[in-house]
Amino acid sequence: MHLTILSRRAGIYTTRRLAQAARLRGARVRVLDPVRVEMHLADPPGAYYERKRLARTDVVVPRIAPSVQAYGLAVVNHFQMLGIPTLNGAAGSRRAATR
């Protein structure tokens, strides 16, 4: 399983623990800063990170900081539109953050 965690920094305690737990269960994990993800809508649509097309991922776990919520949730929505399951969808995360 390939797991992508969207988080501002891999060193944040909760992000680090999530990645560690997933690796202990055999998952391949990468942590991406959502602000550095480029969303491409052209044919074929996709996502890029540091100018490189992202390799496949099986699931996305968003850990979106309030400071980048608007763009971060757009990235989550983009992954959903690409057909990649997300642990928490953009709409649900947006509703939870406004309460």
PDB file of N, CA and C in Angstrom:
ATOM      1  N   MET A   1       0.839  -1.176   0.000  1.00  0.00           N
ATOM      2  CA  MET A   1       0.000   0.000   0.000  1.00  0.00           C
ATOM      3  C   MET A   1       0.882   1.238   0.000  1.00  0.00           C
ATOM      4  N   HIS A   2       0.507   2.204  -0.812  1.00  0.00           N
ATOM      5  CA  HIS A   2       1.198   3.493  -0.874  1.00  0.00           C
ATOM      6  C   HIS A   2       0.302   4.537  -0.220  1.00  0.00           C
ATOM      7  N   LEU A   3       0.805   5.168   0.804  1.00  0.00           N
ATOM      8  CA  LEU A   3       0.055   6.144   1.590  1.00  0.00           C
ATOM      9  C   LEU A   3       0.704   7.514   1.436  1.00  0.00           C
ATOM     10  N   THR A   4      -0.103   8.520   1.173  1.00  0.00           N
ATOM     11  CA  THR A   4       0.375   9.896   1.104  1.00  0.00           C
ATOM     12  C   THR A   4      -0.260  10.684   2.237  1.00  0.00           C
ATOM     13  N   ILE A   5       0.575  11.307   3.057  1.00  0.00           N
ATOM     14  CA  ILE A   5       0.095  12.170   4.132  1.00  0.00           C
ATOM     15  C   ILE A   5       0.349  13.605   3.699  1.00  0.00           C
ATOM     16  N   LEU A   6      -0.694  14.415   3.709  1.00  0.00           N
ATOM     17  CA  LEU A   6      -0.553  15.840   3.399  1.00  0.00           C
ATOM     18  C   LEU A   6      -0.374  16.591   4.713  1.00  0.00           C
ATOM     19  N   SER A   7       0.793  17.147   4.921  1.00  0.00           N
ATOM     20  CA  SER A   7       1.116  17.852   6.152  1.00  0.00           C
ATOM     21  C   SER A   7       2.185  18.893   5.858  1.00  0.00           C
ATOM     22  N   ARG A   8       2.162  19.982   6.576  1.00  0.00           N
ATOM     23  CA  ARG A   8       3.133  21.048   6.336  1.00  0.00           C
ATOM     24  C   ARG A   8       4.564  20.597   6.574  1.00  0.00           C
ATOM     25  N   ARG A   9       4.777  19.687   7.543  1.00  0.00           N
ATOM     26  CA  ARG A   9       6.133  19.201   7.829  1.00  0.00           C
ATOM     27  C   ARG A   9       6.071  17.755   8.303  1.00  0.00           C
ATOM     28  N   ALA A  10       7.012  16.962   7.848  1.00  0.00           N
ATOM     29  CA  ALA A  10       7.079  15.558   8.255  1.00  0.00           C
ATOM     30  C   ALA A  10       7.448  15.418   9.724  1.00  0.00           C
ATOM     31  N   GLY A  11       8.090  16.438  10.297  1.00  0.00           N
ATOM     32  CA  GLY A  11       8.536  16.367  11.681  1.00  0.00           C
ATOM     33  C   GLY A  11       7.479  16.696  12.717  1.00  0.00           C
ATOM     34  N   ILE A  12       6.296  17.116  12.301  1.00  0.00           N
ATOM     35  CA  ILE A  12       5.220  17.385  13.257  1.00  0.00           C
ATOM     36  C   ILE A  12       4.886  16.067  13.954  1.00  0.00           C
ATOM     37  N   TYR A  13       4.729  16.112  15.272  1.00  0.00           N
ATOM     38  CA  TYR A  13       4.579  14.889  16.053  1.00  0.00           C
ATOM     39  C   TYR A  13       3.490  13.967  15.499  1.00  0.00           C
ATOM     40  N   THR A  14       2.285  14.483  15.296  1.00  0.00           N
ATOM     41  CA  THR A  14       1.185  13.619  14.849  1.00  0.00           C
ATOM     42  C   THR A  14       1.445  13.054  13.450  1.00  0.00           C
ATOM     43  N   THR A  15       2.045  13.842  12.596  1.00  0.00           N
ATOM     44  CA  THR A  15       2.380  13.368  11.248  1.00  0.00           C
ATOM     45  C   THR A  15       3.436  12.274  11.327  1.00  0.00           C
ATOM     46  N   ARG A  16       4.453  12.513  12.132  1.00  0.00           N
ATOM     47  CA  ARG A  16       5.526  11.533  12.295  1.00  0.00           C
ATOM     48  C   ARG A  16       5.000  10.210  12.845  1.00  0.00           C
ATOM     49  N   ARG A  17       4.098  10.272  13.823  1.00  0.00           N
ATOM     50  CA  ARG A  17       3.528   9.060  14.416  1.00  0.00           C
ATOM     51  C   ARG A  17       2.638   8.316  13.424  1.00  0.00           C
ATOM     52  N   LEU A  18       1.839   9.045  12.649  1.00  0.00           N
ATOM     53  CA  LEU A  18       1.010   8.395  11.624  1.00  0.00           C
ATOM     54  C   LEU A  18       1.887   7.649  10.621  1.00  0.00           C
ATOM     55  N   ALA A  19       2.923   8.317  10.156  1.00  0.00           N
ATOM     56  CA  ALA A  19       3.829   7.695   9.185  1.00  0.00           C
ATOM     57  C   ALA A  19       4.512   6.471   9.790  1.00  0.00           C
ATOM     58  N   GLN A  20       4.948   6.592  11.015  1.00  0.00           N
ATOM     59  CA  GLN A  20       5.620   5.478  11.688  1.00  0.00           C
ATOM     60  C   GLN A  20       4.674   4.285  11.834  1.00  0.00           C
ATOM     61  N   ALA A  21       3.452   4.527  12.267  1.00  0.00           N
ATOM     62  CA  ALA A  21       2.481   3.442  12.443  1.00  0.00           C
ATOM     63  C   ALA A  21       2.167   2.768  11.111  1.00  0.00           C
ATOM     64  N   ALA A  22       2.031   3.551  10.060  1.00  0.00           N
ATOM     65  CA  ALA A  22       1.745   2.978   8.739  1.00  0.00           C
ATOM     66  C   ALA A  22       2.920   2.135   8.244  1.00  0.00           C
ATOM     67  N   ARG A  23       4.123   2.623   8.446  1.00  0.00           N
ATOM     68  CA  ARG A  23       5.313   1.858   8.016  1.00  0.00           C
ATOM     69  C   ARG A  23       5.441   0.542   8.785  1.00  0.00           C
ATOM     70  N   LEU A  24       5.104   0.574  10.059  1.00  0.00           N
ATOM     71  CA  LEU A  24       5.154  -0.660  10.855  1.00  0.00           C
ATOM     72  C   LEU A  24       4.169  -1.699  10.324  1.00  0.00           C
ATOM     73  N   ARG A  25       3.143  -1.251   9.634  1.00  0.00           N
ATOM     74  CA  ARG A  25       2.147  -2.149   9.057  1.00  0.00           C
ATOM     75  C   ARG A  25       2.431  -2.455   7.589  1.00  0.00           C
ATOM     76  N   GLY A  26       3.619  -2.070   7.131  1.00  0.00           N
ATOM     77  CA  GLY A  26       4.044  -2.425   5.791  1.00  0.00           C
ATOM     78  C   GLY A  26       3.715  -1.436   4.695  1.00  0.00           C
ATOM     79  N   ALA A  27       3.174  -0.290   5.030  1.00  0.00           N
ATOM     80  CA  ALA A  27       2.829   0.704   4.009  1.00  0.00           C
ATOM     81  C   ALA A  27       4.062   1.500   3.589  1.00  0.00           C
ATOM     82  N   ARG A  28       4.063   1.900   2.345  1.00  0.00           N
ATOM     83  CA  ARG A  28       5.074   2.854   1.866  1.00  0.00           C
ATOM     84  C   ARG A  28       4.462   4.230   2.062  1.00  0.00           C
ATOM     85  N   VAL A  29       5.172   5.092   2.748  1.00  0.00           N
ATOM     86  CA  VAL A  29       4.615   6.379   3.167  1.00  0.00           C
ATOM     87  C   VAL A  29       5.446   7.527   2.609  1.00  0.00           C
ATOM     88  N   ARG A  30       4.750   8.551   2.154  1.00  0.00           N
ATOM     89  CA  ARG A  30       5.428   9.810   1.820  1.00  0.00           C
ATOM     90  C   ARG A  30       4.607  10.939   2.423  1.00  0.00           C
ATOM     91  N   VAL A  31       5.305  11.952   2.884  1.00  0.00           N
ATOM     92  CA  VAL A  31       4.666  13.131   3.461  1.00  0.00           C
ATOM     93  C   VAL A  31       4.916  14.284   2.496  1.00  0.00           C
ATOM     94  N   LEU A  32       3.830  14.925   2.080  1.00  0.00           N
ATOM     95  CA  LEU A  32       3.921  16.040   1.146  1.00  0.00           C
ATOM     96  C   LEU A  32       3.327  17.292   1.770  1.00  0.00           C
ATOM     97  N   ASP A  33       4.008  18.410   1.567  1.00  0.00           N
ATOM     98  CA  ASP A  33       3.467  19.708   1.981  1.00  0.00           C
ATOM     99  C   ASP A  33       2.385  20.067   0.971  1.00  0.00           C
ATOM    100  N   PRO A  34       1.122  20.209   1.395  1.00  0.00           N
ATOM    101  CA  PRO A  34       0.052  20.468   0.430  1.00  0.00           C
ATOM    102  C   PRO A  34       0.244  21.763  -0.360  1.00  0.00           C
ATOM    103  N   VAL A  35       0.948  22.721   0.211  1.00  0.00           N
ATOM    104  CA  VAL A  35       1.180  23.992  -0.478  1.00  0.00           C
ATOM    105  C   VAL A  35       2.097  23.804  -1.694  1.00  0.00           C
ATOM    106  N   ARG A  36       2.904  22.759  -1.685  1.00  0.00           N
ATOM    107  CA  ARG A  36       3.841  22.517  -2.783  1.00  0.00           C
ATOM    108  C   ARG A  36       3.297  21.533  -3.821  1.00  0.00           C
ATOM    109  N   VAL A  37       2.058  21.087  -3.649  1.00  0.00           N
ATOM    110  CA  VAL A  37       1.421  20.202  -4.626  1.00  0.00           C
ATOM    111  C   VAL A  37       0.814  21.064  -5.726  1.00  0.00           C
ATOM    112  N   GLU A  38       1.135  20.729  -6.964  1.00  0.00           N
ATOM    113  CA  GLU A  38       0.560  21.419  -8.121  1.00  0.00           C
ATOM    114  C   GLU A  38      -0.545  20.553  -8.698  1.00  0.00           C
ATOM    115  N   MET A  39      -1.693  21.157  -8.928  1.00  0.00           N
ATOM    116  CA  MET A  39      -2.829  20.433  -9.482  1.00  0.00           C
ATOM    117  C   MET A  39      -2.928  20.727 -10.972  1.00  0.00           C
ATOM    118  N   HIS A  40      -2.924  19.680 -11.787  1.00  0.00           N
ATOM    119  CA  HIS A  40      -3.029  19.835 -13.237  1.00  0.00           C
ATOM    120  C   HIS A  40      -4.355  19.266 -13.704  1.00  0.00           C
ATOM    121  N   LEU A  41      -5.075  20.074 -14.452  1.00  0.00           N
ATOM    122  CA  LEU A  41      -6.384  19.652 -14.935  1.00  0.00           C
ATOM    123  C   LEU A  41      -6.350  19.239 -16.397  1.00  0.00           C
ATOM    124  N   ALA A  42      -5.235  19.480 -17.066  1.00  0.00           N
ATOM    125  CA  ALA A  42      -5.115  19.136 -18.487  1.00  0.00           C
ATOM    126  C   ALA A  42      -5.211  17.630 -18.667  1.00  0.00           C
ATOM    127  N   ASP A  43      -5.268  17.231 -19.914  1.00  0.00           N
ATOM    128  CA  ASP A  43      -5.401  15.816 -20.218  1.00  0.00           C
ATOM    129  C   ASP A  43      -4.025  15.170 -20.324  1.00  0.00           C
ATOM    130  N   PRO A  44      -3.623  14.247 -19.510  1.00  0.00           N
ATOM    131  CA  PRO A  44      -4.414  13.689 -18.413  1.00  0.00           C
ATOM    132  C   PRO A  44      -4.259  14.526 -17.141  1.00  0.00           C
ATOM    133  N   PRO A  45      -5.307  14.603 -16.341  1.00  0.00           N
ATOM    134  CA  PRO A  45      -5.190  15.343 -15.082  1.00  0.00           C
ATOM    135  C   PRO A  45      -4.257  14.611 -14.128  1.00  0.00           C
ATOM    136  N   GLY A  46      -3.662  15.351 -13.244  1.00  0.00           N
ATOM    137  CA  GLY A  46      -2.738  14.722 -12.302  1.00  0.00           C
ATOM    138  C   GLY A  46      -2.279  15.705 -11.251  1.00  0.00           C
ATOM    139  N   ALA A  47      -1.309  15.274 -10.471  1.00  0.00           N
ATOM    140  CA  ALA A  47      -0.732  16.104  -9.426  1.00  0.00           C
ATOM    141  C   ALA A  47       0.782  16.019  -9.529  1.00  0.00           C
ATOM    142  N   TYR A  48       1.420  17.141  -9.251  1.00  0.00           N
ATOM    143  CA  TYR A  48       2.877  17.237  -9.323  1.00  0.00           C
ATOM    144  C   TYR A  48       3.397  17.763  -7.995  1.00  0.00           C
ATOM    145  N   TYR A  49       4.634  17.391  -7.682  1.00  0.00           N
ATOM    146  CA  TYR A  49       5.297  17.871  -6.475  1.00  0.00           C
ATOM    147  C   TYR A  49       6.738  18.165  -6.852  1.00  0.00           C
ATOM    148  N   GLU A  50       7.144  19.386  -6.606  1.00  0.00           N
ATOM    149  CA  GLU A  50       8.489  19.833  -6.997  1.00  0.00           C
ATOM    150  C   GLU A  50       8.734  19.543  -8.478  1.00  0.00           C
ATOM    151  N   ARG A  51       7.745  19.876  -9.293  1.00  0.00           N
ATOM    152  CA  ARG A  51       7.798  19.766 -10.764  1.00  0.00           C
ATOM    153  C   ARG A  51       7.849  18.342 -11.297  1.00  0.00           C
ATOM    154  N   LYS A  52       7.611  17.353 -10.430  1.00  0.00           N
ATOM    155  CA  LYS A  52       7.621  15.961 -10.870  1.00  0.00           C
ATOM    156  C   LYS A  52       6.233  15.370 -10.664  1.00  0.00           C
ATOM    157  N   ARG A  53       5.780  14.615 -11.659  1.00  0.00           N
ATOM    158  CA  ARG A  53       4.480  13.964 -11.538  1.00  0.00           C
ATOM    159  C   ARG A  53       4.534  12.994 -10.362  1.00  0.00           C
ATOM    160  N   LEU A  54       3.502  13.040  -9.528  1.00  0.00           N
ATOM    161  CA  LEU A  54       3.463  12.160  -8.370  1.00  0.00           C
ATOM    162  C   LEU A  54       3.239  10.715  -8.787  1.00  0.00           C
ATOM    163  N   ALA A  55       4.004   9.841  -8.180  1.00  0.00           N
ATOM    164  CA  ALA A  55       3.797   8.407  -8.383  1.00  0.00           C
ATOM    165  C   ALA A  55       2.466   8.020  -7.748  1.00  0.00           C
ATOM    166  N   ARG A  56       2.017   6.832  -8.073  1.00  0.00           N
ATOM    167  CA  ARG A  56       0.706   6.409  -7.597  1.00  0.00           C
ATOM    168  C   ARG A  56       0.631   6.407  -6.077  1.00  0.00           C
ATOM    169  N   THR A  57      -0.571   6.583  -5.583  1.00  0.00           N
ATOM    170  CA  THR A  57      -0.845   6.457  -4.161  1.00  0.00           C
ATOM    171  C   THR A  57      -2.189   5.763  -4.021  1.00  0.00           C
ATOM    172  N   ASP A  58      -2.341   4.994  -2.977  1.00  0.00           N
ATOM    173  CA  ASP A  58      -3.584   4.263  -2.758  1.00  0.00           C
ATOM    174  C   ASP A  58      -4.575   5.038  -1.907  1.00  0.00           C
ATOM    175  N   VAL A  59      -4.057   5.869  -1.026  1.00  0.00           N
ATOM    176  CA  VAL A  59      -4.924   6.643  -0.138  1.00  0.00           C
ATOM    177  C   VAL A  59      -4.186   7.898   0.317  1.00  0.00           C
ATOM    178  N   VAL A  60      -4.967   8.951   0.573  1.00  0.00           N
ATOM    179  CA  VAL A  60      -4.419  10.225   1.047  1.00  0.00           C
ATOM    180  C   VAL A  60      -4.978  10.499   2.441  1.00  0.00           C
ATOM    181  N   VAL A  61      -4.084  10.869   3.352  1.00  0.00           N
ATOM    182  CA  VAL A  61      -4.479  11.246   4.712  1.00  0.00           C
ATOM    183  C   VAL A  61      -4.181  12.733   4.869  1.00  0.00           C
ATOM    184  N   PRO A  62      -5.221  13.569   4.855  1.00  0.00           N
ATOM    185  CA  PRO A  62      -4.978  15.008   4.997  1.00  0.00           C
ATOM    186  C   PRO A  62      -4.767  15.413   6.452  1.00  0.00           C
ATOM    187  N   ARG A  63      -3.734  16.191   6.675  1.00  0.00           N
ATOM    188  CA  ARG A  63      -3.438  16.813   7.967  1.00  0.00           C
ATOM    189  C   ARG A  63      -3.232  18.292   7.655  1.00  0.00           C
ATOM    190  N   ILE A  64      -4.316  18.967   7.301  1.00  0.00           N
ATOM    191  CA  ILE A  64      -4.263  20.329   6.774  1.00  0.00           C
ATOM    192  C   ILE A  64      -4.264  21.348   7.917  1.00  0.00           C
ATOM    193  N   ALA A  65      -3.235  22.183   7.933  1.00  0.00           N
ATOM    194  CA  ALA A  65      -3.123  23.237   8.940  1.00  0.00           C
ATOM    195  C   ALA A  65      -4.110  24.359   8.626  1.00  0.00           C
ATOM    196  N   PRO A  66      -4.656  24.995   9.664  1.00  0.00           N
ATOM    197  CA  PRO A  66      -5.601  26.100   9.427  1.00  0.00           C
ATOM    198  C   PRO A  66      -5.008  27.228   8.575  1.00  0.00           C
ATOM    199  N   SER A  67      -3.697  27.442   8.669  1.00  0.00           N
ATOM    200  CA  SER A  67      -3.069  28.534   7.921  1.00  0.00           C
ATOM    201  C   SER A  67      -3.105  28.314   6.410  1.00  0.00           C
ATOM    202  N   VAL A  68      -3.262  27.081   5.967  1.00  0.00           N
ATOM    203  CA  VAL A  68      -3.287  26.778   4.525  1.00  0.00           C
ATOM    204  C   VAL A  68      -4.554  26.013   4.151  1.00  0.00           C
ATOM    205  N   GLN A  69      -5.605  26.193   4.946  1.00  0.00           N
ATOM    206  CA  GLN A  69      -6.806  25.391   4.785  1.00  0.00           C
ATOM    207  C   GLN A  69      -7.420  25.490   3.395  1.00  0.00           C
ATOM    208  N   ALA A  70      -7.563  26.673   2.847  1.00  0.00           N
ATOM    209  CA  ALA A  70      -8.231  26.822   1.552  1.00  0.00           C
ATOM    210  C   ALA A  70      -7.501  26.049   0.454  1.00  0.00           C
ATOM    211  N   TYR A  71      -6.210  26.271   0.316  1.00  0.00           N
ATOM    212  CA  TYR A  71      -5.459  25.571  -0.728  1.00  0.00           C
ATOM    213  C   TYR A  71      -5.328  24.089  -0.393  1.00  0.00           C
ATOM    214  N   GLY A  72      -5.073  23.764   0.858  1.00  0.00           N
ATOM    215  CA  GLY A  72      -4.927  22.374   1.270  1.00  0.00           C
ATOM    216  C   GLY A  72      -6.169  21.555   0.970  1.00  0.00           C
ATOM    217  N   LEU A  73      -7.338  22.116   1.232  1.00  0.00           N
ATOM    218  CA  LEU A  73      -8.574  21.389   0.941  1.00  0.00           C
ATOM    219  C   LEU A  73      -8.824  21.305  -0.565  1.00  0.00           C
ATOM    220  N   ALA A  74      -8.345  22.280  -1.324  1.00  0.00           N
ATOM    221  CA  ALA A  74      -8.442  22.179  -2.787  1.00  0.00           C
ATOM    222  C   ALA A  74      -7.587  21.010  -3.286  1.00  0.00           C
ATOM    223  N   VAL A  75      -6.425  20.805  -2.667  1.00  0.00           N
ATOM    224  CA  VAL A  75      -5.560  19.675  -3.027  1.00  0.00           C
ATOM    225  C   VAL A  75      -6.262  18.361  -2.678  1.00  0.00           C
ATOM    226  N   VAL A  76      -6.858  18.285  -1.502  1.00  0.00           N
ATOM    227  CA  VAL A  76      -7.592  17.087  -1.111  1.00  0.00           C
ATOM    228  C   VAL A  76      -8.715  16.811  -2.108  1.00  0.00           C
ATOM    229  N   ASN A  77      -9.460  17.842  -2.459  1.00  0.00           N
ATOM    230  CA  ASN A  77     -10.548  17.702  -3.436  1.00  0.00           C
ATOM    231  C   ASN A  77     -10.012  17.217  -4.780  1.00  0.00           C
ATOM    232  N   HIS A  78      -8.861  17.710  -5.181  1.00  0.00           N
ATOM    233  CA  HIS A  78      -8.251  17.292  -6.449  1.00  0.00           C
ATOM    234  C   HIS A  78      -7.924  15.790  -6.421  1.00  0.00           C
ATOM    235  N   PHE A  79      -7.347  15.321  -5.326  1.00  0.00           N
ATOM    236  CA  PHE A  79      -7.067  13.891  -5.209  1.00  0.00           C
ATOM    237  C   PHE A  79      -8.363  13.084  -5.284  1.00  0.00           C
ATOM    238  N   GLN A  80      -9.413  13.589  -4.647  1.00  0.00           N
ATOM    239  CA  GLN A  80     -10.702  12.896  -4.707  1.00  0.00           C
ATOM    240  C   GLN A  80     -11.219  12.848  -6.147  1.00  0.00           C
ATOM    241  N   MET A  81     -11.080  13.951  -6.873  1.00  0.00           N
ATOM    242  CA  MET A  81     -11.540  13.990  -8.266  1.00  0.00           C
ATOM    243  C   MET A  81     -10.724  13.045  -9.145  1.00  0.00           C
ATOM    244  N   LEU A  82      -9.485  12.763  -8.751  1.00  0.00           N
ATOM    245  CA  LEU A  82      -8.654  11.804  -9.481  1.00  0.00           C
ATOM    246  C   LEU A  82      -9.024  10.363  -9.135  1.00  0.00           C
ATOM    247  N   GLY A  83      -9.975  10.193  -8.205  1.00  0.00           N
ATOM    248  CA  GLY A  83     -10.422   8.860  -7.832  1.00  0.00           C
ATOM    249  C   GLY A  83      -9.607   8.208  -6.733  1.00  0.00           C
ATOM    250  N   ILE A  84      -8.806   9.000  -6.036  1.00  0.00           N
ATOM    251  CA  ILE A  84      -7.966   8.465  -4.955  1.00  0.00           C
ATOM    252  C   ILE A  84      -8.715   8.639  -3.635  1.00  0.00           C
ATOM    253  N   PRO A  85      -8.920   7.562  -2.898  1.00  0.00           N
ATOM    254  CA  PRO A  85      -9.619   7.680  -1.616  1.00  0.00           C
ATOM    255  C   PRO A  85      -8.850   8.574  -0.640  1.00  0.00           C
ATOM    256  N   THR A  86      -9.606   9.348   0.127  1.00  0.00           N
ATOM    257  CA  THR A  86      -9.013  10.186   1.170  1.00  0.00           C
ATOM    258  C   THR A  86      -9.643   9.810   2.502  1.00  0.00           C
ATOM    259  N   LEU A  87      -8.842   9.832   3.541  1.00  0.00           N
ATOM    260  CA  LEU A  87      -9.350   9.465   4.855  1.00  0.00           C
ATOM    261  C   LEU A  87     -10.464  10.414   5.279  1.00  0.00           C
ATOM    262  N   ASN A  88     -10.238  11.688   5.105  1.00  0.00           N
ATOM    263  CA  ASN A  88     -11.251  12.714   5.370  1.00  0.00           C
ATOM    264  C   ASN A  88     -11.387  13.533   4.100  1.00  0.00           C
ATOM    265  N   GLY A  89     -12.588  13.614   3.578  1.00  0.00           N
ATOM    266  CA  GLY A  89     -12.805  14.378   2.356  1.00  0.00           C
ATOM    267  C   GLY A  89     -12.743  15.871   2.594  1.00  0.00           C
ATOM    268  N   ALA A  90     -12.621  16.618   1.510  1.00  0.00           N
ATOM    269  CA  ALA A  90     -12.510  18.078   1.596  1.00  0.00           C
ATOM    270  C   ALA A  90     -13.772  18.694   2.198  1.00  0.00           C
ATOM    271  N   ALA A  91     -14.948  18.239   1.767  1.00  0.00           N
ATOM    272  CA  ALA A  91     -16.199  18.830   2.257  1.00  0.00           C
ATOM    273  C   ALA A  91     -16.368  18.600   3.757  1.00  0.00           C
ATOM    274  N   GLY A  92     -16.101  17.390   4.219  1.00  0.00           N
ATOM    275  CA  GLY A  92     -16.223  17.091   5.645  1.00  0.00           C
ATOM    276  C   GLY A  92     -15.208  17.855   6.477  1.00  0.00           C
ATOM    277  N   SER A  93     -14.000  17.947   5.988  1.00  0.00           N
ATOM    278  CA  SER A  93     -12.957  18.696   6.701  1.00  0.00           C
ATOM    279  C   SER A  93     -13.315  20.163   6.789  1.00  0.00           C
ATOM    280  N   ARG A  94     -13.860  20.707   5.710  1.00  0.00           N
ATOM    281  CA  ARG A  94     -14.261  22.116   5.704  1.00  0.00           C
ATOM    282  C   ARG A  94     -15.362  22.356   6.728  1.00  0.00           C
ATOM    283  N   ARG A  95     -16.358  21.473   6.759  1.00  0.00           N
ATOM    284  CA  ARG A  95     -17.459  21.630   7.724  1.00  0.00           C
ATOM    285  C   ARG A  95     -16.933  21.519   9.157  1.00  0.00           C
ATOM    286  N   ALA A  96     -16.056  20.567   9.418  1.00  0.00           N
ATOM    287  CA  ALA A  96     -15.523  20.378  10.764  1.00  0.00           C
ATOM    288  C   ALA A  96     -14.709  21.584  11.218  1.00  0.00           C
ATOM    289  N   ALA A  97     -14.016  22.216  10.303  1.00  0.00           N
ATOM    290  CA  ALA A  97     -13.160  23.366  10.669  1.00  0.00           C
ATOM    291  C   ALA A  97     -13.966  24.611  10.968  1.00  0.00           C
ATOM    292  N   THR A  98     -15.194  24.698  10.469  1.00  0.00           N
ATOM    293  CA  THR A  98     -15.999  25.900  10.685  1.00  0.00           C
ATOM    294  C   THR A  98     -16.832  25.824  11.955  1.00  0.00           C
ATOM    295  N   ARG A  99     -16.754  24.727  12.651  1.00  0.00           N
ATOM    296  CA  ARG A  99     -17.567  24.576  13.884  1.00  0.00           C
ATOM    297  C   ARG A  99     -16.774  24.977  15.078  1.00  0.00           C
TER     298      ARG A  99
END
